[in-house]
N, C-alpha and C. Protein backbone atom coordinates (compact mmCIF):
# COMPACT_ATOMS: atom_id res chain seq x y z
N UNK A 1 87.72 98.96 93.88
CA UNK A 1 87.61 98.20 95.04
C UNK A 1 86.66 99.18 96.20
N UNK A 2 85.94 98.61 97.18
CA UNK A 2 85.30 99.30 98.31
C UNK A 2 85.30 98.26 99.55
N UNK A 3 85.85 98.93 100.48
CA UNK A 3 86.01 98.11 101.82
C UNK A 3 84.61 98.03 102.45
N UNK A 4 84.30 96.88 102.83
CA UNK A 4 83.14 96.51 103.77
C UNK A 4 81.86 97.10 102.86
N UNK A 5 81.39 96.52 101.68
CA UNK A 5 80.40 96.91 101.00
C UNK A 5 78.99 96.67 101.75
N UNK A 6 77.98 97.17 101.50
CA UNK A 6 76.57 96.73 102.10
C UNK A 6 76.11 95.28 101.76
N UNK A 7 75.81 94.64 102.96
CA UNK A 7 75.44 93.16 102.93
C UNK A 7 74.38 92.89 103.69
N UNK A 8 73.55 91.77 103.22
CA UNK A 8 72.53 91.22 104.13
C UNK A 8 72.99 90.61 105.09
N UNK A 9 72.26 90.18 106.26
CA UNK A 9 72.73 89.52 107.30
C UNK A 9 73.31 88.19 107.03
N UNK A 10 73.00 87.44 106.09
CA UNK A 10 73.64 86.40 105.87
C UNK A 10 74.98 86.42 104.94
N UNK A 11 75.53 87.70 104.74
CA UNK A 11 76.67 87.89 104.03
C UNK A 11 76.69 88.18 102.59
N UNK A 12 75.49 88.02 102.10
CA UNK A 12 75.14 88.10 100.66
C UNK A 12 75.02 89.64 100.17
N UNK A 13 76.03 90.14 99.37
CA UNK A 13 76.08 91.50 98.90
C UNK A 13 74.67 92.05 98.53
N UNK A 14 74.46 93.27 99.07
CA UNK A 14 73.13 94.01 98.62
C UNK A 14 73.39 94.35 97.14
N UNK A 15 72.50 94.00 96.20
CA UNK A 15 72.75 94.07 94.72
C UNK A 15 72.55 95.60 94.18
N UNK A 16 73.15 95.88 93.26
CA UNK A 16 73.00 97.09 92.47
C UNK A 16 71.87 96.94 91.49
N UNK A 17 71.20 98.01 90.99
CA UNK A 17 70.33 98.01 89.91
C UNK A 17 71.02 97.21 88.82
N UNK A 18 70.15 96.17 88.27
CA UNK A 18 70.60 95.41 87.06
C UNK A 18 71.94 94.35 87.32
N UNK A 19 72.11 94.04 88.69
CA UNK A 19 73.17 93.27 88.86
C UNK A 19 72.67 91.93 88.90
N UNK A 20 73.37 90.93 88.40
CA UNK A 20 73.10 89.43 88.36
C UNK A 20 74.04 88.74 88.96
N UNK A 21 73.86 87.99 90.00
CA UNK A 21 75.07 87.12 90.84
C UNK A 21 75.03 85.80 89.93
N UNK A 22 76.34 85.55 89.64
CA UNK A 22 76.57 84.15 88.90
C UNK A 22 76.81 83.03 89.72
N UNK A 23 77.57 83.19 90.67
CA UNK A 23 78.26 82.21 91.51
C UNK A 23 78.55 82.63 92.77
N UNK A 24 78.72 81.68 93.84
CA UNK A 24 79.27 81.80 95.08
C UNK A 24 80.19 80.66 95.45
N UNK A 25 81.39 81.00 95.99
CA UNK A 25 82.23 79.90 96.14
C UNK A 25 82.90 80.00 97.63
N UNK A 26 82.40 79.02 98.34
CA UNK A 26 82.96 78.95 100.00
C UNK A 26 84.16 78.36 100.08
N UNK A 27 84.80 78.38 101.06
CA UNK A 27 86.12 77.69 101.44
C UNK A 27 87.35 78.17 100.78
N UNK A 28 87.26 79.64 100.36
CA UNK A 28 88.53 80.17 99.97
C UNK A 28 89.13 81.05 100.74
N UNK A 29 90.54 81.08 100.57
CA UNK A 29 91.39 82.03 101.45
C UNK A 29 91.71 83.21 100.57
N UNK A 30 91.49 84.50 101.28
CA UNK A 30 91.70 85.75 100.34
C UNK A 30 92.66 86.58 101.07
N UNK A 31 93.45 87.03 100.19
CA UNK A 31 94.54 88.04 100.83
C UNK A 31 94.61 89.33 99.91
N UNK A 32 94.69 90.38 100.60
CA UNK A 32 94.49 91.65 99.95
C UNK A 32 95.61 92.65 100.70
N UNK A 33 96.22 93.67 100.01
CA UNK A 33 97.07 94.42 100.76
C UNK A 33 96.62 95.93 100.84
N UNK A 34 97.14 96.76 101.60
CA UNK A 34 96.74 98.25 101.64
C UNK A 34 95.52 98.39 102.29
N UNK A 35 95.14 97.67 103.23
CA UNK A 35 93.83 97.93 104.09
C UNK A 35 94.18 98.83 105.12
N UNK A 36 93.42 100.00 105.23
CA UNK A 36 93.66 100.82 106.53
C UNK A 36 93.35 100.00 107.76
N UNK A 37 94.33 100.27 108.79
CA UNK A 37 94.09 99.71 110.08
C UNK A 37 94.58 98.17 110.24
N UNK A 38 94.91 97.64 109.06
CA UNK A 38 95.27 96.17 109.05
C UNK A 38 96.79 96.13 109.45
N UNK A 39 97.25 95.16 110.18
CA UNK A 39 98.51 95.00 110.66
C UNK A 39 99.36 94.81 109.33
N UNK A 40 100.21 95.92 109.04
CA UNK A 40 101.09 95.92 107.84
C UNK A 40 100.37 96.34 106.60
N UNK A 41 98.94 96.53 106.92
CA UNK A 41 98.04 96.79 105.71
C UNK A 41 97.60 95.63 104.91
N UNK A 42 98.21 94.48 105.29
CA UNK A 42 97.73 93.11 104.71
C UNK A 42 96.68 92.44 105.45
N UNK A 43 95.64 91.94 104.71
CA UNK A 43 94.74 91.13 105.34
C UNK A 43 94.65 89.64 104.82
N UNK A 44 94.47 88.63 105.50
CA UNK A 44 94.42 87.40 105.09
C UNK A 44 93.02 86.70 105.83
N UNK A 45 92.09 86.09 105.16
CA UNK A 45 90.88 85.75 105.82
C UNK A 45 90.23 84.57 104.96
N UNK A 46 89.55 83.79 105.70
CA UNK A 46 88.93 82.56 104.97
C UNK A 46 87.38 83.06 104.81
N UNK A 47 86.69 82.62 103.77
CA UNK A 47 85.25 83.18 103.58
C UNK A 47 84.66 82.56 102.27
N UNK A 48 84.00 83.28 101.64
CA UNK A 48 83.04 83.12 100.55
C UNK A 48 83.37 84.23 99.54
N UNK A 49 83.55 83.71 98.14
CA UNK A 49 83.62 84.77 96.98
C UNK A 49 82.34 84.73 96.41
N UNK A 50 81.67 85.91 96.19
CA UNK A 50 80.53 86.10 95.34
C UNK A 50 81.01 86.68 93.92
N UNK A 51 80.51 86.29 92.70
CA UNK A 51 80.76 86.93 91.51
C UNK A 51 79.31 87.23 91.01
N UNK A 52 79.48 88.45 90.30
CA UNK A 52 78.24 88.95 89.54
C UNK A 52 78.69 89.29 88.29
N UNK A 53 77.77 89.99 87.43
CA UNK A 53 78.16 90.80 86.24
C UNK A 53 78.77 92.16 86.43
N UNK A 54 78.95 92.56 87.76
CA UNK A 54 79.60 93.79 87.96
C UNK A 54 80.78 93.82 88.92
N UNK A 55 80.76 92.76 89.83
CA UNK A 55 81.98 92.73 90.64
C UNK A 55 82.16 91.37 91.27
N UNK A 56 83.45 91.22 91.94
CA UNK A 56 83.58 90.17 92.83
C UNK A 56 83.57 90.60 94.22
N UNK A 57 83.02 89.97 95.34
CA UNK A 57 83.01 90.38 96.44
C UNK A 57 83.44 89.20 97.38
N UNK A 58 84.49 89.42 98.29
CA UNK A 58 84.97 88.48 99.15
C UNK A 58 84.19 88.81 100.64
N UNK A 59 83.84 87.78 101.28
CA UNK A 59 82.92 87.93 102.74
C UNK A 59 83.70 86.97 103.45
N UNK A 60 84.21 87.79 104.58
CA UNK A 60 85.04 86.95 105.61
C UNK A 60 84.14 86.20 106.51
N UNK A 61 84.45 84.72 106.80
CA UNK A 61 83.71 84.22 107.95
C UNK A 61 83.82 84.80 109.26
N UNK A 62 85.08 85.11 109.59
CA UNK A 62 85.27 86.11 110.84
C UNK A 62 85.84 87.33 110.50
N UNK A 63 85.45 88.51 110.94
CA UNK A 63 86.04 89.75 110.77
C UNK A 63 87.53 89.71 111.08
N UNK A 64 88.46 90.33 110.42
CA UNK A 64 89.78 90.54 110.73
C UNK A 64 90.01 92.07 111.05
N UNK A 65 89.89 92.40 112.36
CA UNK A 65 89.99 93.95 112.70
C UNK A 65 88.39 94.34 112.13
N UNK A 66 88.65 95.61 111.37
CA UNK A 66 87.44 96.34 110.88
C UNK A 66 87.31 95.60 109.46
N UNK A 67 87.94 94.68 109.08
CA UNK A 67 87.68 93.96 107.65
C UNK A 67 86.62 92.85 107.80
N UNK A 68 85.50 93.22 106.99
CA UNK A 68 84.41 92.28 107.08
C UNK A 68 84.24 91.63 105.55
N UNK A 69 84.26 92.55 104.58
CA UNK A 69 84.20 92.23 103.16
C UNK A 69 85.02 93.14 102.16
N UNK A 70 85.24 92.60 100.98
CA UNK A 70 85.78 93.44 100.13
C UNK A 70 85.24 93.24 98.71
N UNK A 71 84.91 94.55 98.02
CA UNK A 71 84.38 94.67 96.95
C UNK A 71 85.27 94.88 95.58
N UNK A 72 85.43 94.22 94.68
CA UNK A 72 86.23 94.35 93.47
C UNK A 72 85.46 94.57 92.13
N UNK A 73 85.08 95.69 91.74
CA UNK A 73 84.61 95.92 90.49
C UNK A 73 85.28 95.31 89.32
N UNK A 74 84.43 94.36 88.22
CA UNK A 74 85.31 93.62 87.42
C UNK A 74 86.15 94.62 86.57
N UNK A 75 85.63 95.79 86.20
CA UNK A 75 86.12 96.82 85.24
C UNK A 75 87.40 97.41 85.91
N UNK A 76 87.55 97.29 87.11
CA UNK A 76 88.83 97.78 87.94
C UNK A 76 89.87 96.78 88.20
N UNK A 77 89.46 95.50 87.83
CA UNK A 77 90.52 94.37 87.90
C UNK A 77 91.47 94.31 86.77
N UNK A 78 92.63 94.12 87.01
CA UNK A 78 93.68 93.86 85.92
C UNK A 78 94.84 93.10 86.24
N UNK A 79 95.60 92.49 85.31
CA UNK A 79 96.66 91.68 85.57
C UNK A 79 96.47 90.37 86.24
N UNK A 80 95.15 89.92 86.16
CA UNK A 80 94.73 88.81 86.70
C UNK A 80 95.50 87.50 86.12
N UNK A 81 95.60 86.70 87.09
CA UNK A 81 96.34 85.43 86.50
C UNK A 81 96.04 84.17 87.25
N UNK A 82 95.80 83.03 86.54
CA UNK A 82 95.62 81.85 87.35
C UNK A 82 96.87 80.95 87.71
N UNK A 83 97.20 80.84 88.90
CA UNK A 83 98.60 80.34 89.36
C UNK A 83 98.22 78.72 89.69
N UNK A 84 99.33 77.90 89.32
CA UNK A 84 99.00 76.43 89.63
C UNK A 84 100.37 76.04 90.19
N UNK A 85 100.72 76.47 91.40
CA UNK A 85 102.15 76.13 91.98
C UNK A 85 101.98 74.50 92.47
N UNK A 86 103.22 74.03 92.38
CA UNK A 86 103.50 72.55 92.33
C UNK A 86 103.16 72.06 93.84
N UNK A 87 103.61 72.84 94.96
CA UNK A 87 103.38 72.38 96.27
C UNK A 87 102.31 73.16 97.15
N UNK A 88 101.81 74.33 96.39
CA UNK A 88 100.67 75.17 97.05
C UNK A 88 99.45 74.94 96.34
N UNK A 89 98.29 75.50 96.80
CA UNK A 89 97.07 75.39 96.20
C UNK A 89 96.86 76.36 94.92
N UNK A 90 96.09 76.00 94.17
CA UNK A 90 95.86 76.88 92.98
C UNK A 90 95.26 78.02 93.38
N UNK A 91 95.53 78.98 92.62
CA UNK A 91 94.99 80.48 93.17
C UNK A 91 95.09 81.45 91.90
N UNK A 92 94.17 82.59 92.01
CA UNK A 92 94.07 83.60 91.06
C UNK A 92 94.59 84.89 91.86
N UNK A 93 95.41 85.51 91.38
CA UNK A 93 96.08 86.77 91.83
C UNK A 93 95.80 87.75 90.75
N UNK A 94 95.87 89.18 91.30
CA UNK A 94 95.76 90.27 90.37
C UNK A 94 95.72 91.50 91.26
N UNK A 95 95.44 92.52 90.34
CA UNK A 95 95.29 94.03 90.94
C UNK A 95 93.89 94.46 90.74
N UNK A 96 93.70 95.28 91.46
CA UNK A 96 92.21 96.04 91.42
C UNK A 96 92.37 97.55 91.84
N UNK A 97 91.92 98.35 90.99
CA UNK A 97 91.90 99.86 91.17
C UNK A 97 90.82 100.19 92.20
N UNK A 98 91.05 101.01 92.95
CA UNK A 98 89.97 101.65 93.83
C UNK A 98 88.86 102.22 93.30
N UNK A 99 87.60 102.30 94.01
CA UNK A 99 86.48 103.14 93.58
C UNK A 99 86.69 104.57 94.30
N UNK A 100 86.99 105.66 93.32
CA UNK A 100 87.10 106.96 94.10
C UNK A 100 85.99 107.69 94.28
N UNK A 101 85.90 108.33 95.45
CA UNK A 101 84.76 109.09 95.58
C UNK A 101 84.78 110.39 94.71
N UNK A 102 83.73 111.04 94.21
CA UNK A 102 83.84 112.24 93.41
C UNK A 102 84.57 113.36 94.13
N UNK A 103 84.39 113.39 95.31
CA UNK A 103 85.19 114.57 95.99
C UNK A 103 86.64 114.27 96.35
N UNK A 104 87.15 113.12 96.00
CA UNK A 104 88.47 112.74 96.48
C UNK A 104 89.60 112.57 95.28
N UNK A 105 90.89 112.80 95.42
CA UNK A 105 91.66 112.98 94.44
C UNK A 105 92.37 111.64 94.47
N UNK A 106 92.55 110.98 93.22
CA UNK A 106 93.24 109.89 92.78
C UNK A 106 94.34 109.56 93.33
N UNK A 107 95.26 110.45 93.61
CA UNK A 107 96.64 110.29 94.35
C UNK A 107 96.36 109.77 95.76
N UNK A 108 95.20 110.01 96.37
CA UNK A 108 95.15 109.48 97.85
C UNK A 108 94.89 108.01 97.92
N UNK A 109 94.64 107.24 96.77
CA UNK A 109 94.13 105.84 96.92
C UNK A 109 95.03 104.98 95.98
N UNK A 110 95.41 103.75 96.60
CA UNK A 110 96.47 102.90 96.04
C UNK A 110 95.79 101.90 95.35
N UNK A 111 96.57 101.06 94.40
CA UNK A 111 96.11 100.04 93.79
C UNK A 111 96.42 98.78 94.76
N UNK A 112 95.34 97.79 94.82
CA UNK A 112 95.50 96.74 95.95
C UNK A 112 95.72 95.58 94.95
N UNK A 113 96.80 94.72 95.60
CA UNK A 113 97.09 93.37 95.13
C UNK A 113 96.17 92.25 95.96
N UNK A 114 95.53 91.36 95.27
CA UNK A 114 94.87 90.31 95.83
C UNK A 114 95.21 89.01 95.28
N UNK A 115 94.76 88.15 96.37
CA UNK A 115 94.98 86.58 95.85
C UNK A 115 93.80 85.85 96.37
N UNK A 116 93.30 84.74 95.65
CA UNK A 116 92.20 84.01 96.09
C UNK A 116 92.70 82.62 96.13
N UNK A 117 92.70 81.78 97.06
CA UNK A 117 93.38 80.74 97.11
C UNK A 117 92.09 79.60 97.39
N UNK A 118 92.26 78.48 96.56
CA UNK A 118 91.17 77.59 96.40
C UNK A 118 91.73 76.42 97.44
N UNK A 119 91.40 76.34 98.81
CA UNK A 119 91.98 75.44 99.63
C UNK A 119 90.98 74.43 99.90
N UNK A 120 89.88 74.30 99.32
CA UNK A 120 88.98 73.34 99.70
C UNK A 120 88.27 72.70 98.27
N UNK A 121 88.66 71.84 97.66
CA UNK A 121 88.03 71.31 96.45
C UNK A 121 88.49 71.90 95.27
N UNK A 122 88.30 71.54 94.16
CA UNK A 122 88.79 72.07 92.75
C UNK A 122 88.36 73.58 92.69
N UNK A 123 88.80 73.94 91.30
CA UNK A 123 88.29 75.24 90.70
C UNK A 123 87.95 75.15 89.30
N UNK A 124 87.46 74.00 88.59
CA UNK A 124 87.36 74.02 87.31
C UNK A 124 86.12 74.54 86.80
N UNK A 125 85.21 75.03 87.94
CA UNK A 125 83.96 75.70 87.46
C UNK A 125 84.21 77.21 87.63
N UNK A 126 84.82 77.60 88.87
CA UNK A 126 85.16 79.05 89.06
C UNK A 126 86.02 79.73 88.13
N UNK A 127 87.17 79.02 87.97
CA UNK A 127 88.11 79.78 87.07
C UNK A 127 87.66 80.06 85.77
N UNK A 128 87.04 79.19 84.90
CA UNK A 128 86.71 79.53 83.55
C UNK A 128 85.58 80.60 83.78
N UNK A 129 84.67 80.60 84.49
CA UNK A 129 83.55 81.58 84.63
C UNK A 129 84.04 82.88 84.88
N UNK A 130 85.09 83.06 85.73
CA UNK A 130 85.64 84.22 86.14
C UNK A 130 86.27 84.95 84.98
N UNK A 131 87.25 84.18 84.33
CA UNK A 131 87.97 84.69 83.20
C UNK A 131 87.17 84.93 81.88
N UNK A 132 86.03 84.00 81.72
CA UNK A 132 85.09 84.40 80.58
C UNK A 132 84.28 85.69 80.95
N UNK A 133 83.71 85.78 82.12
CA UNK A 133 83.05 87.00 82.59
C UNK A 133 83.93 88.14 82.41
N UNK A 134 85.08 88.23 83.03
CA UNK A 134 85.96 89.43 82.99
C UNK A 134 86.09 89.79 81.52
N UNK A 135 86.34 89.00 80.57
CA UNK A 135 86.59 89.08 79.28
C UNK A 135 85.50 89.74 78.62
N UNK A 136 84.23 89.16 79.01
CA UNK A 136 83.06 89.72 78.19
C UNK A 136 82.57 91.12 78.71
N UNK A 137 82.92 91.43 79.94
CA UNK A 137 82.59 92.82 80.57
C UNK A 137 83.35 93.70 79.90
N UNK A 138 84.83 93.24 79.77
CA UNK A 138 85.64 94.41 79.01
C UNK A 138 85.28 94.54 77.73
N UNK A 139 85.04 93.56 76.85
CA UNK A 139 84.78 93.68 75.44
C UNK A 139 83.52 94.50 75.28
N UNK A 140 82.50 94.26 76.33
CA UNK A 140 81.28 95.01 75.97
C UNK A 140 81.31 96.41 76.29
N UNK A 141 82.13 96.76 77.37
CA UNK A 141 82.51 98.00 77.73
C UNK A 141 83.18 98.78 76.88
N UNK A 142 84.24 98.28 76.30
CA UNK A 142 85.12 99.07 75.35
C UNK A 142 84.51 99.40 74.12
N UNK A 143 83.29 98.79 73.82
CA UNK A 143 82.37 99.34 72.74
C UNK A 143 81.60 100.60 72.98
N UNK A 144 81.40 100.74 74.07
CA UNK A 144 80.53 102.16 74.53
C UNK A 144 81.12 103.00 75.37
N UNK A 145 82.54 102.95 75.69
CA UNK A 145 82.95 103.83 76.66
C UNK A 145 84.58 103.85 76.54
N UNK A 146 85.11 105.02 76.76
CA UNK A 146 86.68 105.17 76.92
C UNK A 146 87.08 104.51 78.13
N UNK A 147 88.51 104.41 78.02
CA UNK A 147 88.90 103.52 79.30
C UNK A 147 88.58 104.45 80.58
N UNK A 148 89.00 105.53 80.46
CA UNK A 148 88.61 106.55 81.62
C UNK A 148 87.25 106.65 82.16
N UNK A 149 86.30 106.35 81.05
CA UNK A 149 84.74 106.47 81.59
C UNK A 149 84.64 105.11 82.28
N UNK A 150 85.16 103.91 81.88
CA UNK A 150 84.91 102.71 82.28
C UNK A 150 85.44 102.64 83.79
N UNK A 151 86.56 103.19 84.11
CA UNK A 151 87.19 103.12 85.30
C UNK A 151 86.32 104.16 86.35
N UNK A 152 85.84 105.11 85.72
CA UNK A 152 85.01 106.16 86.47
C UNK A 152 83.61 105.52 87.03
N UNK A 153 83.11 104.57 86.20
CA UNK A 153 81.71 104.04 86.50
C UNK A 153 81.83 102.58 86.35
N UNK A 154 82.10 101.77 87.43
CA UNK A 154 82.17 100.22 87.33
C UNK A 154 80.75 99.70 87.12
N UNK A 155 79.63 100.47 87.34
CA UNK A 155 78.37 99.93 86.98
C UNK A 155 78.03 99.60 85.54
N UNK A 156 78.84 100.41 84.78
CA UNK A 156 78.70 100.13 83.26
C UNK A 156 78.69 98.54 82.84
N UNK A 157 79.46 97.76 83.67
CA UNK A 157 79.54 96.27 83.52
C UNK A 157 78.15 95.55 83.66
N UNK A 158 77.04 96.35 84.28
CA UNK A 158 75.86 95.68 84.34
C UNK A 158 75.12 95.47 82.98
N UNK A 159 75.44 96.11 82.00
CA UNK A 159 74.98 96.12 80.74
C UNK A 159 75.38 94.92 79.96
N UNK A 160 76.54 94.23 80.43
CA UNK A 160 76.97 93.07 79.69
C UNK A 160 76.20 91.77 79.67
N UNK A 161 75.75 91.24 78.47
CA UNK A 161 74.75 90.16 78.60
C UNK A 161 75.50 88.84 78.97
N UNK A 162 75.28 88.35 79.95
CA UNK A 162 75.92 87.13 80.62
C UNK A 162 74.94 85.88 80.54
N UNK A 163 73.72 86.14 80.22
CA UNK A 163 72.70 84.82 80.26
C UNK A 163 73.50 83.73 79.38
N UNK A 164 73.78 83.88 78.02
CA UNK A 164 74.22 82.98 77.13
C UNK A 164 75.45 82.12 77.81
N UNK A 165 76.55 83.03 78.28
CA UNK A 165 77.64 82.33 78.89
C UNK A 165 77.32 81.55 80.09
N UNK A 166 76.28 81.89 80.95
CA UNK A 166 75.90 80.98 82.02
C UNK A 166 75.26 79.69 81.51
N UNK A 167 74.58 79.65 80.57
CA UNK A 167 73.85 78.57 80.01
C UNK A 167 74.90 77.44 79.50
N UNK A 168 76.02 77.82 79.14
CA UNK A 168 77.05 76.93 78.42
C UNK A 168 78.22 76.81 79.60
N UNK A 169 78.02 77.18 80.84
CA UNK A 169 79.03 77.05 81.68
C UNK A 169 79.42 75.67 82.02
N UNK A 170 80.58 75.23 82.18
CA UNK A 170 81.06 73.84 82.38
C UNK A 170 80.99 73.77 84.03
N UNK A 171 80.43 72.68 84.63
CA UNK A 171 80.43 72.58 86.03
C UNK A 171 81.19 71.38 86.35
N UNK A 172 82.24 71.70 87.05
CA UNK A 172 83.27 70.67 87.41
C UNK A 172 82.69 69.95 88.74
N UNK A 173 82.47 68.47 88.83
CA UNK A 173 82.13 68.05 90.02
C UNK A 173 83.00 68.08 91.07
N UNK A 174 84.34 68.38 90.79
CA UNK A 174 85.26 68.46 92.13
C UNK A 174 85.07 69.84 92.67
N UNK A 175 84.40 70.99 91.94
CA UNK A 175 84.60 72.28 92.37
C UNK A 175 83.14 72.55 93.21
N UNK A 176 83.19 72.93 94.49
CA UNK A 176 81.90 73.17 95.12
C UNK A 176 81.30 74.41 94.79
N UNK A 177 81.68 75.21 93.93
CA UNK A 177 81.16 76.47 93.48
C UNK A 177 79.62 76.44 93.34
N UNK A 178 78.65 77.32 93.95
CA UNK A 178 77.42 77.29 93.63
C UNK A 178 77.05 78.23 92.37
N UNK A 179 76.43 77.79 91.60
CA UNK A 179 75.97 78.58 90.48
C UNK A 179 74.56 79.13 90.69
N UNK A 180 74.13 80.39 90.51
CA UNK A 180 72.84 80.99 90.83
C UNK A 180 72.02 80.96 89.40
N UNK A 181 71.29 79.74 89.60
CA UNK A 181 70.27 79.58 88.29
C UNK A 181 69.02 80.69 88.57
N UNK A 182 68.84 81.15 89.72
CA UNK A 182 67.63 82.05 90.05
C UNK A 182 68.53 83.16 91.07
N UNK A 183 68.09 84.30 90.84
CA UNK A 183 68.91 85.39 91.80
C UNK A 183 68.59 85.09 93.21
N UNK A 184 69.57 85.00 94.20
CA UNK A 184 69.23 84.55 95.59
C UNK A 184 68.61 85.76 96.40
N UNK A 185 68.61 86.96 95.94
CA UNK A 185 67.92 88.14 96.74
C UNK A 185 66.70 88.58 96.03
N UNK A 186 65.81 87.76 95.25
CA UNK A 186 64.86 88.22 94.68
C UNK A 186 63.61 88.62 95.41
N UNK A 187 63.75 88.07 96.90
CA UNK A 187 62.56 88.54 97.87
C UNK A 187 62.67 89.85 98.19
N UNK A 188 63.98 90.40 98.02
CA UNK A 188 64.27 91.74 98.37
C UNK A 188 64.11 92.77 97.50
N UNK A 189 63.65 93.95 97.59
CA UNK A 189 63.33 95.07 96.55
C UNK A 189 64.62 96.10 96.74
N UNK A 190 65.43 95.85 97.86
CA UNK A 190 66.50 96.83 98.14
C UNK A 190 67.62 96.61 96.80
N UNK A 191 67.95 97.76 96.27
CA UNK A 191 68.82 97.82 94.94
C UNK A 191 69.64 99.11 95.19
N UNK A 192 71.20 98.95 95.28
CA UNK A 192 71.87 100.05 95.20
C UNK A 192 72.08 100.64 93.95
N UNK A 193 72.31 101.96 93.70
CA UNK A 193 72.39 102.84 92.56
C UNK A 193 73.78 103.25 92.30
N UNK A 194 74.65 103.31 93.46
CA UNK A 194 76.03 103.87 93.25
C UNK A 194 76.82 103.00 94.19
N UNK A 195 78.13 103.41 94.02
CA UNK A 195 79.10 102.64 94.93
C UNK A 195 79.46 103.42 96.18
N UNK A 196 79.04 104.70 96.21
CA UNK A 196 79.27 105.66 97.17
C UNK A 196 78.16 105.72 98.25
N UNK A 197 78.76 106.07 99.64
CA UNK A 197 77.61 105.84 100.55
C UNK A 197 76.35 106.97 100.25
N UNK A 198 75.35 106.65 100.83
CA UNK A 198 74.08 107.57 100.63
C UNK A 198 73.11 107.20 101.48
N UNK A 199 72.04 108.14 101.80
CA UNK A 199 70.93 107.67 102.73
C UNK A 199 70.31 106.39 102.12
N UNK A 200 69.79 105.65 103.03
CA UNK A 200 69.09 104.48 102.56
C UNK A 200 67.93 104.61 101.86
N UNK A 201 67.08 105.82 101.83
CA UNK A 201 65.83 105.86 101.07
C UNK A 201 66.22 106.25 99.70
N UNK A 202 67.44 106.53 99.19
CA UNK A 202 67.67 106.64 98.05
C UNK A 202 68.30 105.40 97.15
N UNK A 203 68.35 104.17 97.98
CA UNK A 203 69.06 103.07 97.67
C UNK A 203 68.02 102.00 96.98
N UNK A 204 66.66 102.47 97.39
CA UNK A 204 65.65 101.51 97.02
C UNK A 204 65.16 101.83 95.67
């Protein structure tokens, strides 16, 4: 995970090299814990989820304290589950490991619990795409790296071939998810090469 990743003015995440955005879903409520500076460490906000072949990014409609967005590398997500409670809205819950800077110790960083609640419309497009994508990313990465290397480099997921999966994606008419048939930031040449902060001239 990474708190407040680089964003364009419209809230779209600044892409990594070889990153392909798959979908955007508005009208979700997002919950995550262990956020520095948040009341009790927990943040709850409404906004948009972006899903790519590398990560899932939540962008809040309104900042909550210093919380604007939250970046979750697909290779760092685990224990994900689709929940269908009887009296509450459908949601996806799970855990995500932090992205640890090279000069920091793992013990200083905690695993985050998150939940994505679908409060506006169905989720029949989003849920299958998310689970299929995360499965593909894991299968592809396991062929080329040990578990330690996968965790160390979340950008490994960029090599996952997702084109075929996208061509056969089911679109639920009750789900307002927007699928990207063309990459939304093609007009920009800005591409990030690492999860860690660096001078802007090295990001292009």
